[in-house]
Structure formats: structure tokens, C-alpha cells
């Protein structure tokens, strides 16, 4: 196995971990929401929905960070400038998305306290 193949495996593994984090976070948040709806806690306690949003947002940011890391590893495996440009655009979009989510989480956190 050459160095390029090892980097591709590492990139895909890190990206897969990021996807798993996001999927598990979504499933956990969905299960919390369904539980709160069926137990009536969502109506009686308004801060439950903000807690779900906070935990989901944190999970999304963590998953996106893993995927951005995988994309950065991917830039070392791409042979031409066109592919590097596409990867850089994807990283930029995901970074802006992470920043926006982080700001939203900070605002939600201030509302709950």
C-alpha cells in the first residue's frame, strides 16, 4: 500500500465518523422530541425544545468538524488544482455553516439561562 492509498483510507474513515456523529445526534434528538411530545413535557416545559436544539446543534457542529477535517486530508490526495479548488469551496461552505450554527447555539444558550 502506498502513502496516497493510506491517506484516502484515513480521509474516508474520518468522514465516516463525522457522518455517524451527525446521524446518531439526529436520532437522539428525534427520540428526545418524540418522548417529550408523548409525555406532555414539551407543552408544560418550554425549555425542553431549546435543550433538544442545543444538543442537536452541538452534534451537528462536531460532525461537521470531522467532515471538514476529512476534506482537508483530501486536499493532500488530490492531484490537480481544480479538485483542490472544489475541496476548498466545500471546506469554506462547511466552515461558514459551522460558524452560523455556533452563533445560533450561543443565542439559544443565552435564552435558556
C-alpha atoms as a PDB file:
ATOM      1  CA  UNK A   1       0.000   0.000   0.000  1.00  0.00           C
ATOM      2  CA  UNK A   2       1.343   3.414  -0.913  1.00  0.00           C
ATOM      3  CA  UNK A   3       1.042   6.670   1.039  1.00  0.00           C
ATOM      4  CA  UNK A   4      -1.754   8.009  -1.181  1.00  0.00           C
ATOM      5  CA  UNK A   5      -3.945   4.970  -0.511  1.00  0.00           C
ATOM      6  CA  UNK A   6      -3.386   5.281   3.234  1.00  0.00           C
ATOM      7  CA  UNK A   7      -4.414   8.948   3.159  1.00  0.00           C
ATOM      8  CA  UNK A   8      -7.576   8.107   1.198  1.00  0.00           C
ATOM      9  CA  UNK A   9      -8.494   5.447   3.778  1.00  0.00           C
ATOM     10  CA  UNK A  10      -7.864   7.906   6.619  1.00  0.00           C
ATOM     11  CA  UNK A  11      -9.929  10.577   4.850  1.00  0.00           C
ATOM     12  CA  UNK A  12     -12.879   8.251   4.308  1.00  0.00           C
ATOM     13  CA  UNK A  13     -12.669   6.967   7.891  1.00  0.00           C
ATOM     14  CA  UNK A  14     -12.711  10.459   9.387  1.00  0.00           C
ATOM     15  CA  UNK A  15     -15.570  11.461   7.095  1.00  0.00           C
ATOM     16  CA  UNK A  16     -17.498   8.326   8.082  1.00  0.00           C
ATOM     17  CA  UNK A  17     -17.021   9.141  11.776  1.00  0.00           C
ATOM     18  CA  UNK A  18     -18.422  12.635  11.130  1.00  0.00           C
ATOM     19  CA  UNK A  19     -21.444  11.182   9.356  1.00  0.00           C
ATOM     20  CA  UNK A  20     -22.019   8.708  12.199  1.00  0.00           C
ATOM     21  CA  UNK A  21     -21.880  11.521  14.752  1.00  0.00           C
ATOM     22  CA  UNK A  22     -24.481  13.512  12.820  1.00  0.00           C
ATOM     23  CA  UNK A  23     -26.789  10.520  12.288  1.00  0.00           C
ATOM     24  CA  UNK A  24     -26.650   9.457  15.935  1.00  0.00           C
ATOM     25  CA  UNK A  25     -27.211  13.049  17.066  1.00  0.00           C
ATOM     26  CA  UNK A  26     -30.260  13.396  14.830  1.00  0.00           C
ATOM     27  CA  UNK A  27     -31.665  10.079  16.056  1.00  0.00           C
ATOM     28  CA  UNK A  28     -31.068  11.039  19.690  1.00  0.00           C
ATOM     29  CA  UNK A  29     -32.712  14.443  19.238  1.00  0.00           C
ATOM     30  CA  UNK A  30     -35.641  12.885  17.414  1.00  0.00           C
ATOM     31  CA  UNK A  31     -36.132  10.312  20.161  1.00  0.00           C
ATOM     32  CA  UNK A  32     -35.996  13.060  22.825  1.00  0.00           C
ATOM     33  CA  UNK A  33     -38.554  15.099  20.906  1.00  0.00           C
ATOM     34  CA  UNK A  34     -40.914  12.154  20.486  1.00  0.00           C
ATOM     35  CA  UNK A  35     -40.539  11.277  24.176  1.00  0.00           C
ATOM     36  CA  UNK A  36     -41.309  14.836  25.263  1.00  0.00           C
ATOM     37  CA  UNK A  37     -44.307  15.036  22.930  1.00  0.00           C
ATOM     38  CA  UNK A  38     -45.836  11.785  24.198  1.00  0.00           C
ATOM     39  CA  UNK A  39     -45.206  12.563  27.871  1.00  0.00           C
ATOM     40  CA  UNK A  40     -46.611  16.101  27.562  1.00  0.00           C
ATOM     41  CA  UNK A  41     -43.408  17.681  28.849  1.00  0.00           C
ATOM     42  CA  UNK A  42     -42.921  19.643  25.636  1.00  0.00           C
ATOM     43  CA  UNK A  43     -46.074  21.647  26.267  1.00  0.00           C
ATOM     44  CA  UNK A  44     -45.659  22.125  30.011  1.00  0.00           C
ATOM     45  CA  UNK A  45     -41.943  22.974  29.919  1.00  0.00           C
ATOM     46  CA  UNK A  46     -40.981  25.258  27.038  1.00  0.00           C
ATOM     47  CA  UNK A  47     -37.235  24.969  27.577  1.00  0.00           C
ATOM     48  CA  UNK A  48     -37.226  21.293  26.536  1.00  0.00           C
ATOM     49  CA  UNK A  49     -37.271  22.193  22.838  1.00  0.00           C
ATOM     50  CA  UNK A  50     -34.313  24.558  23.316  1.00  0.00           C
ATOM     51  CA  UNK A  51     -32.363  21.799  25.069  1.00  0.00           C
ATOM     52  CA  UNK A  52     -33.038  19.494  22.118  1.00  0.00           C
ATOM     53  CA  UNK A  53     -31.930  22.213  19.695  1.00  0.00           C
ATOM     54  CA  UNK A  54     -28.758  22.839  21.698  1.00  0.00           C
ATOM     55  CA  UNK A  55     -27.757  19.194  21.790  1.00  0.00           C
ATOM     56  CA  UNK A  56     -28.562  18.716  18.097  1.00  0.00           C
ATOM     57  CA  UNK A  57     -26.630  21.853  17.149  1.00  0.00           C
ATOM     58  CA  UNK A  58     -23.593  20.772  19.133  1.00  0.00           C
ATOM     59  CA  UNK A  59     -23.723  17.370  17.484  1.00  0.00           C
ATOM     60  CA  UNK A  60     -24.019  18.898  14.015  1.00  0.00           C
ATOM     61  CA  UNK A  61     -21.040  21.165  14.649  1.00  0.00           C
ATOM     62  CA  UNK A  62     -18.944  18.258  15.901  1.00  0.00           C
ATOM     63  CA  UNK A  63     -19.878  16.119  12.902  1.00  0.00           C
ATOM     64  CA  UNK A  64     -19.157  18.978  10.504  1.00  0.00           C
ATOM     65  CA  UNK A  65     -15.744  19.488  12.079  1.00  0.00           C
ATOM     66  CA  UNK A  66     -14.887  15.854  11.385  1.00  0.00           C
ATOM     67  CA  UNK A  67     -16.073  16.189   7.791  1.00  0.00           C
ATOM     68  CA  UNK A  68     -14.072  19.396   7.305  1.00  0.00           C
ATOM     69  CA  UNK A  69     -11.017  17.587   8.694  1.00  0.00           C
ATOM     70  CA  UNK A  70     -11.612  14.788   6.195  1.00  0.00           C
ATOM     71  CA  UNK A  71     -11.839  17.340   3.381  1.00  0.00           C
ATOM     72  CA  UNK A  72      -8.573  18.912   4.494  1.00  0.00           C
ATOM     73  CA  UNK A  73      -6.940  15.494   4.408  1.00  0.00           C
ATOM     74  CA  UNK A  74      -8.489  15.078   0.960  1.00  0.00           C
ATOM     75  CA  UNK A  75      -6.657  18.136  -0.346  1.00  0.00           C
ATOM     76  CA  UNK A  76      -3.403  16.272   0.150  1.00  0.00           C
ATOM     77  CA  UNK A  77      -4.612  13.407  -2.018  1.00  0.00           C
ATOM     78  CA  UNK A  78      -5.905  15.437  -4.964  1.00  0.00           C
ATOM     79  CA  UNK A  79      -3.506  15.739  -7.877  1.00  0.00           C
ATOM     80  CA  UNK A  80      -4.780  18.895  -9.616  1.00  0.00           C
ATOM     81  CA  UNK A  81      -5.686  22.466  -8.729  1.00  0.00           C
ATOM     82  CA  UNK A  82      -9.284  22.101  -9.947  1.00  0.00           C
ATOM     83  CA  UNK A  83     -10.010  19.387  -7.358  1.00  0.00           C
ATOM     84  CA  UNK A  84      -8.219  21.412  -4.677  1.00  0.00           C
ATOM     85  CA  UNK A  85     -10.395  24.412  -5.563  1.00  0.00           C
ATOM     86  CA  UNK A  86     -13.570  22.359  -5.263  1.00  0.00           C
ATOM     87  CA  UNK A  87     -12.459  20.933  -1.926  1.00  0.00           C
ATOM     88  CA  UNK A  88     -11.531  24.401  -0.683  1.00  0.00           C
ATOM     89  CA  UNK A  89     -15.009  25.647  -1.630  1.00  0.00           C
ATOM     90  CA  UNK A  90     -16.635  22.770   0.215  1.00  0.00           C
ATOM     91  CA  UNK A  91     -14.495  23.405   3.296  1.00  0.00           C
ATOM     92  CA  UNK A  92     -15.381  27.100   3.170  1.00  0.00           C
ATOM     93  CA  UNK A  93     -19.115  26.381   2.951  1.00  0.00           C
ATOM     94  CA  UNK A  94     -18.967  23.879   5.807  1.00  0.00           C
ATOM     95  CA  UNK A  95     -16.909  26.256   7.934  1.00  0.00           C
ATOM     96  CA  UNK A  96     -19.436  29.061   7.411  1.00  0.00           C
ATOM     97  CA  UNK A  97     -22.213  26.624   8.282  1.00  0.00           C
ATOM     98  CA  UNK A  98     -20.407  25.587  11.472  1.00  0.00           C
ATOM     99  CA  UNK A  99     -19.857  29.225  12.411  1.00  0.00           C
ATOM    100  CA  UNK A 100     -23.534  30.032  11.836  1.00  0.00           C
ATOM    101  CA  UNK A 101     -24.664  27.044  13.871  1.00  0.00           C
ATOM    102  CA  UNK A 102     -22.301  28.000  16.674  1.00  0.00           C
ATOM    103  CA  UNK A 103     -23.684  31.554  16.805  1.00  0.00           C
ATOM    104  CA  UNK A 104     -27.238  30.214  16.838  1.00  0.00           C
ATOM    105  CA  UNK A 105     -26.351  27.860  19.690  1.00  0.00           C
ATOM    106  CA  UNK A 106     -24.854  30.702  21.680  1.00  0.00           C
ATOM    107  CA  UNK A 107     -28.070  32.707  21.220  1.00  0.00           C
ATOM    108  CA  UNK A 108     -30.215  29.742  22.275  1.00  0.00           C
ATOM    109  CA  UNK A 109     -27.960  29.171  25.271  1.00  0.00           C
ATOM    110  CA  UNK A 110     -28.433  32.778  26.360  1.00  0.00           C
ATOM    111  CA  UNK A 111     -32.228  32.420  26.060  1.00  0.00           C
ATOM    112  CA  UNK A 112     -32.353  29.352  28.297  1.00  0.00           C
ATOM    113  CA  UNK A 113     -30.293  30.887  31.109  1.00  0.00           C
END
